[in-house]
Amino acid sequence: MKRPRRAKPLTLEQLEAWFEKVEPAPPCRDVSMMNGFLTGLAAGPVFLLPNDWMIHVIGDHEKRAFIGSKIQAVIDTIVDHYNLIAHQLTAPGRYAPVLMRTDEGEVLAGDWADGFFGAISLNLGEWAPLFAQKQTGDPIMAILLHCTKPELIQMISTAFPKPPEAILKDAWRTLPFAVEGIYAHCQPMRFNPSAPANDA
């Protein structure tokens, strides 16, 4: 009896099509949100295995995965993408977020930022101290300013004045630097929670 073959990982374009068409809709609604979520996981203070977070990306579809199935190919692609992000973050200047663009070329960072906030929400207790430190608090807020969740926008607006639209329009350019700053601070904590944070 032949063993089932593993399905080939998908391209990001094929993965985007899966997010758009699959029913019921998964928690991450597109590749940009998935990229933001995985970036938050890879850069943050807590290391989690895919079994801990996959359901927050594709929902209950995870339960229907088996070797050779389309769902398994989706999972393999997502894990590969997480590993790519983690590798990019090991060298400054390599990481670039996957952002949406309008037909007119305007860059939209909302889905990506919503995904990043989703990763924060999984371990809010560990992220909370980072908000209070300028070294990490400023980069986190630079990311969360792009979120589209009304309750989060209201919370941020009470603590921080909203930047002018002209500044906010190009603020997505700072996202790679914000992520790298958070990663550099959190890296010592990821596999050794008792280790002091990097204040360099």
C-alpha atoms as a PDB file:
ATOM      1  CA  MET A   1       0.000   0.000   0.000  1.00  0.00           C
ATOM      2  CA  LYS A   2       1.435   3.372  -1.047  1.00  0.00           C
ATOM      3  CA  ARG A   3       1.820   6.106   1.495  1.00  0.00           C
ATOM      4  CA  PRO A   4      -0.016   9.303   0.579  1.00  0.00           C
ATOM      5  CA  ARG A   5       2.219  11.978  -0.897  1.00  0.00           C
ATOM      6  CA  ARG A   6       2.564  15.352   0.717  1.00  0.00           C
ATOM      7  CA  ALA A   7       0.963  18.062  -1.357  1.00  0.00           C
ATOM      8  CA  LYS A   8       3.248  20.798  -2.651  1.00  0.00           C
ATOM      9  CA  PRO A   9       3.257  24.045  -0.653  1.00  0.00           C
ATOM     10  CA  LEU A  10       1.264  26.840  -2.269  1.00  0.00           C
ATOM     11  CA  THR A  11       2.473  30.127  -3.648  1.00  0.00           C
ATOM     12  CA  LEU A  12       1.325  33.204  -1.752  1.00  0.00           C
ATOM     13  CA  GLU A  13      -1.035  33.955  -4.645  1.00  0.00           C
ATOM     14  CA  GLN A  14      -2.604  30.487  -4.304  1.00  0.00           C
ATOM     15  CA  LEU A  15      -2.810  30.937  -0.543  1.00  0.00           C
ATOM     16  CA  GLU A  16      -4.537  34.297  -1.010  1.00  0.00           C
ATOM     17  CA  ALA A  17      -7.102  32.619  -3.258  1.00  0.00           C
ATOM     18  CA  TRP A  18      -7.693  29.972  -0.583  1.00  0.00           C
ATOM     19  CA  PHE A  19      -8.319  32.637   2.080  1.00  0.00           C
ATOM     20  CA  GLU A  20     -10.776  34.389  -0.228  1.00  0.00           C
ATOM     21  CA  LYS A  21     -12.805  31.318  -1.178  1.00  0.00           C
ATOM     22  CA  VAL A  22     -12.761  28.914   1.775  1.00  0.00           C
ATOM     23  CA  GLU A  23     -15.892  28.573   3.904  1.00  0.00           C
ATOM     24  CA  PRO A  24     -16.298  29.297   6.721  1.00  0.00           C
ATOM     25  CA  ALA A  25     -13.970  32.262   6.566  1.00  0.00           C
ATOM     26  CA  PRO A  26     -10.815  31.719   8.671  1.00  0.00           C
ATOM     27  CA  PRO A  27      -9.679  34.120  11.425  1.00  0.00           C
ATOM     28  CA  CYS A  28      -6.988  35.541   9.124  1.00  0.00           C
ATOM     29  CA  ARG A  29      -8.887  36.930   6.156  1.00  0.00           C
ATOM     30  CA  ASP A  30      -5.937  37.248   3.772  1.00  0.00           C
ATOM     31  CA  VAL A  31      -2.189  36.755   3.349  1.00  0.00           C
ATOM     32  CA  SER A  32      -1.411  40.257   4.646  1.00  0.00           C
ATOM     33  CA  MET A  33      -3.198  39.607   7.940  1.00  0.00           C
ATOM     34  CA  MET A  34      -1.527  36.193   8.179  1.00  0.00           C
ATOM     35  CA  ASN A  35       1.860  37.821   7.595  1.00  0.00           C
ATOM     36  CA  GLY A  36       1.213  40.355  10.351  1.00  0.00           C
ATOM     37  CA  PHE A  37       0.089  37.622  12.738  1.00  0.00           C
ATOM     38  CA  LEU A  38       3.123  35.434  12.036  1.00  0.00           C
ATOM     39  CA  THR A  39       5.404  38.463  12.339  1.00  0.00           C
ATOM     40  CA  GLY A  40       3.997  39.225  15.778  1.00  0.00           C
ATOM     41  CA  LEU A  41       4.650  35.627  16.790  1.00  0.00           C
ATOM     42  CA  ALA A  42       8.187  35.608  15.420  1.00  0.00           C
ATOM     43  CA  ALA A  43       9.148  38.999  16.872  1.00  0.00           C
ATOM     44  CA  GLY A  44       7.413  38.813  20.243  1.00  0.00           C
ATOM     45  CA  PRO A  45       8.464  37.676  23.714  1.00  0.00           C
ATOM     46  CA  VAL A  46       6.935  34.168  23.630  1.00  0.00           C
ATOM     47  CA  PHE A  47       7.880  31.203  21.458  1.00  0.00           C
ATOM     48  CA  LEU A  48       4.894  29.111  20.360  1.00  0.00           C
ATOM     49  CA  LEU A  49       4.757  25.993  18.205  1.00  0.00           C
ATOM     50  CA  PRO A  50       2.454  25.884  15.150  1.00  0.00           C
ATOM     51  CA  ASN A  51       0.077  23.577  17.024  1.00  0.00           C
ATOM     52  CA  ASP A  52      -0.471  26.444  19.472  1.00  0.00           C
ATOM     53  CA  TRP A  53      -1.356  29.088  16.904  1.00  0.00           C
ATOM     54  CA  MET A  54      -2.477  27.495  13.625  1.00  0.00           C
ATOM     55  CA  ILE A  55      -6.151  27.519  14.639  1.00  0.00           C
ATOM     56  CA  HIS A  56      -5.915  31.323  14.982  1.00  0.00           C
ATOM     57  CA  VAL A  57      -4.880  31.528  11.330  1.00  0.00           C
ATOM     58  CA  ILE A  58      -7.154  29.020   9.585  1.00  0.00           C
ATOM     59  CA  GLY A  59      -9.706  28.163  12.281  1.00  0.00           C
ATOM     60  CA  ASP A  60     -11.360  24.753  12.360  1.00  0.00           C
ATOM     61  CA  HIS A  61     -10.060  23.934   8.884  1.00  0.00           C
ATOM     62  CA  GLU A  62      -6.973  22.689  10.746  1.00  0.00           C
ATOM     63  CA  LYS A  63      -8.995  19.714  11.993  1.00  0.00           C
ATOM     64  CA  ARG A  64      -9.554  18.454   8.429  1.00  0.00           C
ATOM     65  CA  ALA A  65      -5.894  18.261   7.477  1.00  0.00           C
ATOM     66  CA  PHE A  66      -4.322  14.994   6.386  1.00  0.00           C
ATOM     67  CA  ILE A  67      -1.250  14.165   4.330  1.00  0.00           C
ATOM     68  CA  GLY A  68      -1.779  15.055   0.710  1.00  0.00           C
ATOM     69  CA  SER A  69      -4.844  17.237   1.321  1.00  0.00           C
ATOM     70  CA  LYS A  70      -5.236  20.873   0.273  1.00  0.00           C
ATOM     71  CA  ILE A  71      -5.602  21.895   3.915  1.00  0.00           C
ATOM     72  CA  GLN A  72      -2.299  20.218   4.762  1.00  0.00           C
ATOM     73  CA  ALA A  73      -0.681  22.091   1.875  1.00  0.00           C
ATOM     74  CA  VAL A  74      -2.108  25.324   3.307  1.00  0.00           C
ATOM     75  CA  ILE A  75      -0.700  24.494   6.752  1.00  0.00           C
ATOM     76  CA  ASP A  76       2.713  23.600   5.340  1.00  0.00           C
ATOM     77  CA  THR A  77       2.785  26.862   3.395  1.00  0.00           C
ATOM     78  CA  ILE A  78       1.911  28.887   6.496  1.00  0.00           C
ATOM     79  CA  VAL A  79       4.582  27.156   8.593  1.00  0.00           C
ATOM     80  CA  ASP A  80       7.143  27.749   5.839  1.00  0.00           C
ATOM     81  CA  HIS A  81       6.151  31.421   5.774  1.00  0.00           C
ATOM     82  CA  TYR A  82       6.570  31.681   9.552  1.00  0.00           C
ATOM     83  CA  ASN A  83      10.039  30.130   9.284  1.00  0.00           C
ATOM     84  CA  LEU A  84      10.925  32.606   6.518  1.00  0.00           C
ATOM     85  CA  ILE A  85       9.902  35.548   8.692  1.00  0.00           C
ATOM     86  CA  ALA A  86      11.862  34.181  11.651  1.00  0.00           C
ATOM     87  CA  HIS A  87      14.918  33.824   9.412  1.00  0.00           C
ATOM     88  CA  GLN A  88      14.524  37.322   7.951  1.00  0.00           C
ATOM     89  CA  LEU A  89      14.445  38.830  11.436  1.00  0.00           C
ATOM     90  CA  THR A  90      17.861  37.404  12.295  1.00  0.00           C
ATOM     91  CA  ALA A  91      19.527  39.961  10.002  1.00  0.00           C
ATOM     92  CA  PRO A  92      18.585  43.668  10.063  1.00  0.00           C
ATOM     93  CA  GLY A  93      17.168  44.961   6.804  1.00  0.00           C
ATOM     94  CA  ARG A  94      15.811  41.663   5.506  1.00  0.00           C
ATOM     95  CA  TYR A  95      12.265  41.778   6.831  1.00  0.00           C
ATOM     96  CA  ALA A  96       9.523  43.316   4.709  1.00  0.00           C
ATOM     97  CA  PRO A  97       5.810  43.122   5.613  1.00  0.00           C
ATOM     98  CA  VAL A  98       3.283  41.805   3.098  1.00  0.00           C
ATOM     99  CA  LEU A  99       0.884  44.724   2.671  1.00  0.00           C
ATOM    100  CA  MET A 100      -2.218  45.291   0.559  1.00  0.00           C
ATOM    101  CA  ARG A 101      -2.338  47.866  -2.243  1.00  0.00           C
ATOM    102  CA  THR A 102      -5.274  49.536  -3.936  1.00  0.00           C
ATOM    103  CA  ASP A 103      -5.571  49.613  -7.719  1.00  0.00           C
ATOM    104  CA  GLU A 104      -4.220  53.155  -7.514  1.00  0.00           C
ATOM    105  CA  GLY A 105      -1.101  51.944  -5.688  1.00  0.00           C
ATOM    106  CA  GLU A 106      -1.994  53.186  -2.206  1.00  0.00           C
ATOM    107  CA  VAL A 107      -0.493  50.957   0.487  1.00  0.00           C
ATOM    108  CA  LEU A 108      -2.908  49.619   3.113  1.00  0.00           C
ATOM    109  CA  ALA A 109      -1.409  48.308   6.340  1.00  0.00           C
ATOM    110  CA  GLY A 110      -4.669  47.704   8.238  1.00  0.00           C
ATOM    111  CA  ASP A 111      -4.968  43.959   7.692  1.00  0.00           C
ATOM    112  CA  TRP A 112      -1.298  43.420   8.506  1.00  0.00           C
ATOM    113  CA  ALA A 113      -1.582  45.446  11.724  1.00  0.00           C
ATOM    114  CA  ASP A 114      -4.768  43.604  12.728  1.00  0.00           C
ATOM    115  CA  GLY A 115      -2.863  40.348  12.321  1.00  0.00           C
ATOM    116  CA  PHE A 116       0.034  41.619  14.441  1.00  0.00           C
ATOM    117  CA  PHE A 117      -2.404  42.664  17.160  1.00  0.00           C
ATOM    118  CA  GLY A 118      -3.917  39.171  16.986  1.00  0.00           C
ATOM    119  CA  ALA A 119      -0.511  37.733  17.883  1.00  0.00           C
ATOM    120  CA  ILE A 120      -0.199  40.184  20.790  1.00  0.00           C
ATOM    121  CA  SER A 121      -3.647  39.133  22.032  1.00  0.00           C
ATOM    122  CA  LEU A 122      -2.556  35.494  22.351  1.00  0.00           C
ATOM    123  CA  ASN A 123      -0.038  36.418  25.068  1.00  0.00           C
ATOM    124  CA  LEU A 124      -1.173  39.804  26.297  1.00  0.00           C
ATOM    125  CA  GLY A 125       0.344  39.237  29.743  1.00  0.00           C
ATOM    126  CA  GLU A 126       3.827  38.849  28.290  1.00  0.00           C
ATOM    127  CA  TRP A 127       3.391  41.768  25.866  1.00  0.00           C
ATOM    128  CA  ALA A 128       1.935  44.161  28.465  1.00  0.00           C
ATOM    129  CA  PRO A 129       5.293  45.203  30.015  1.00  0.00           C
ATOM    130  CA  LEU A 130       6.592  46.078  26.541  1.00  0.00           C
ATOM    131  CA  PHE A 131       3.934  48.784  26.163  1.00  0.00           C
ATOM    132  CA  ALA A 132       5.342  50.588  29.209  1.00  0.00           C
ATOM    133  CA  GLN A 133       8.915  50.768  27.893  1.00  0.00           C
ATOM    134  CA  LYS A 134       9.723  53.467  25.348  1.00  0.00           C
ATOM    135  CA  GLN A 135      12.134  51.197  23.448  1.00  0.00           C
ATOM    136  CA  THR A 136       9.319  48.775  22.627  1.00  0.00           C
ATOM    137  CA  GLY A 137       6.212  50.810  23.403  1.00  0.00           C
ATOM    138  CA  ASP A 138       6.842  53.314  20.602  1.00  0.00           C
ATOM    139  CA  PRO A 139       7.354  50.617  17.906  1.00  0.00           C
ATOM    140  CA  ILE A 140       4.273  48.720  19.093  1.00  0.00           C
ATOM    141  CA  MET A 141       2.139  51.846  18.900  1.00  0.00           C
ATOM    142  CA  ALA A 142       3.583  52.641  15.458  1.00  0.00           C
ATOM    143  CA  ILE A 143       2.159  49.285  14.373  1.00  0.00           C
ATOM    144  CA  LEU A 144      -1.167  49.463  16.204  1.00  0.00           C
ATOM    145  CA  LEU A 145      -1.949  52.915  14.755  1.00  0.00           C
ATOM    146  CA  HIS A 146      -2.726  51.074  11.520  1.00  0.00           C
ATOM    147  CA  CYS A 147      -5.269  48.671  13.080  1.00  0.00           C
ATOM    148  CA  THR A 148      -8.839  48.763  11.833  1.00  0.00           C
ATOM    149  CA  LYS A 149     -10.546  47.398  14.952  1.00  0.00           C
ATOM    150  CA  PRO A 150     -12.847  50.186  16.273  1.00  0.00           C
ATOM    151  CA  GLU A 151     -12.320  49.333  19.952  1.00  0.00           C
ATOM    152  CA  LEU A 152      -8.538  49.426  19.520  1.00  0.00           C
ATOM    153  CA  ILE A 153      -8.641  52.690  17.584  1.00  0.00           C
ATOM    154  CA  GLN A 154     -10.676  54.267  20.368  1.00  0.00           C
ATOM    155  CA  MET A 155      -8.274  52.985  23.035  1.00  0.00           C
ATOM    156  CA  ILE A 156      -5.234  54.313  21.175  1.00  0.00           C
ATOM    157  CA  SER A 157      -6.832  57.687  20.451  1.00  0.00           C
ATOM    158  CA  THR A 158      -7.364  58.309  24.177  1.00  0.00           C
ATOM    159  CA  ALA A 159      -3.644  57.881  24.851  1.00  0.00           C
ATOM    160  CA  PHE A 160      -2.028  59.118  21.648  1.00  0.00           C
ATOM    161  CA  PRO A 161      -3.059  61.944  19.315  1.00  0.00           C
ATOM    162  CA  LYS A 162      -3.761  60.678  15.822  1.00  0.00           C
ATOM    163  CA  PRO A 163      -1.007  61.721  13.388  1.00  0.00           C
ATOM    164  CA  PRO A 164      -1.963  63.948  10.456  1.00  0.00           C
ATOM    165  CA  GLU A 165      -3.250  62.002   7.448  1.00  0.00           C
ATOM    166  CA  ALA A 166      -0.226  63.043   5.371  1.00  0.00           C
ATOM    167  CA  ILE A 167       2.089  61.400   7.896  1.00  0.00           C
ATOM    168  CA  LEU A 168      -0.133  58.383   8.452  1.00  0.00           C
ATOM    169  CA  LYS A 169      -0.313  57.712   4.698  1.00  0.00           C
ATOM    170  CA  ASP A 170       3.401  56.886   4.555  1.00  0.00           C
ATOM    171  CA  ALA A 171       3.718  55.537   8.099  1.00  0.00           C
ATOM    172  CA  TRP A 172       3.752  51.980   6.749  1.00  0.00           C
ATOM    173  CA  ARG A 173       7.360  52.576   5.736  1.00  0.00           C
ATOM    174  CA  THR A 174       8.382  52.456   9.406  1.00  0.00           C
ATOM    175  CA  LEU A 175       6.873  49.011  10.018  1.00  0.00           C
ATOM    176  CA  PRO A 176      10.021  46.948   9.247  1.00  0.00           C
ATOM    177  CA  PHE A 177      12.046  49.081  11.677  1.00  0.00           C
ATOM    178  CA  ALA A 178       9.357  48.776  14.358  1.00  0.00           C
ATOM    179  CA  VAL A 179       9.305  44.987  13.979  1.00  0.00           C
ATOM    180  CA  GLU A 180      13.097  44.737  14.097  1.00  0.00           C
ATOM    181  CA  GLY A 181      13.205  46.857  17.253  1.00  0.00           C
ATOM    182  CA  ILE A 182      10.648  44.654  18.995  1.00  0.00           C
ATOM    183  CA  TYR A 183      12.451  41.496  17.862  1.00  0.00           C
ATOM    184  CA  ALA A 184      15.858  42.709  19.113  1.00  0.00           C
ATOM    185  CA  HIS A 185      14.373  43.484  22.521  1.00  0.00           C
ATOM    186  CA  CYS A 186      12.392  40.251  22.835  1.00  0.00           C
ATOM    187  CA  GLN A 187      14.862  37.746  21.409  1.00  0.00           C
ATOM    188  CA  PRO A 188      16.624  36.987  24.723  1.00  0.00           C
ATOM    189  CA  MET A 189      13.222  36.286  26.334  1.00  0.00           C
ATOM    190  CA  ARG A 190      11.776  33.885  23.757  1.00  0.00           C
ATOM    191  CA  PHE A 191      13.509  30.693  24.841  1.00  0.00           C
ATOM    192  CA  ASN A 192      14.498  31.816  28.324  1.00  0.00           C
ATOM    193  CA  PRO A 193      11.645  33.775  29.948  1.00  0.00           C
ATOM    194  CA  SER A 194      13.805  34.591  32.999  1.00  0.00           C
ATOM    195  CA  ALA A 195      16.489  36.253  30.858  1.00  0.00           C
ATOM    196  CA  PRO A 196      16.711  40.065  31.050  1.00  0.00           C
ATOM    197  CA  ALA A 197      15.498  41.915  27.982  1.00  0.00           C
ATOM    198  CA  ASN A 198      18.058  43.362  25.614  1.00  0.00           C
ATOM    199  CA  ASP A 199      18.387  47.048  26.411  1.00  0.00           C
ATOM    200  CA  ALA A 200      21.159  47.689  23.938  1.00  0.00           C
END
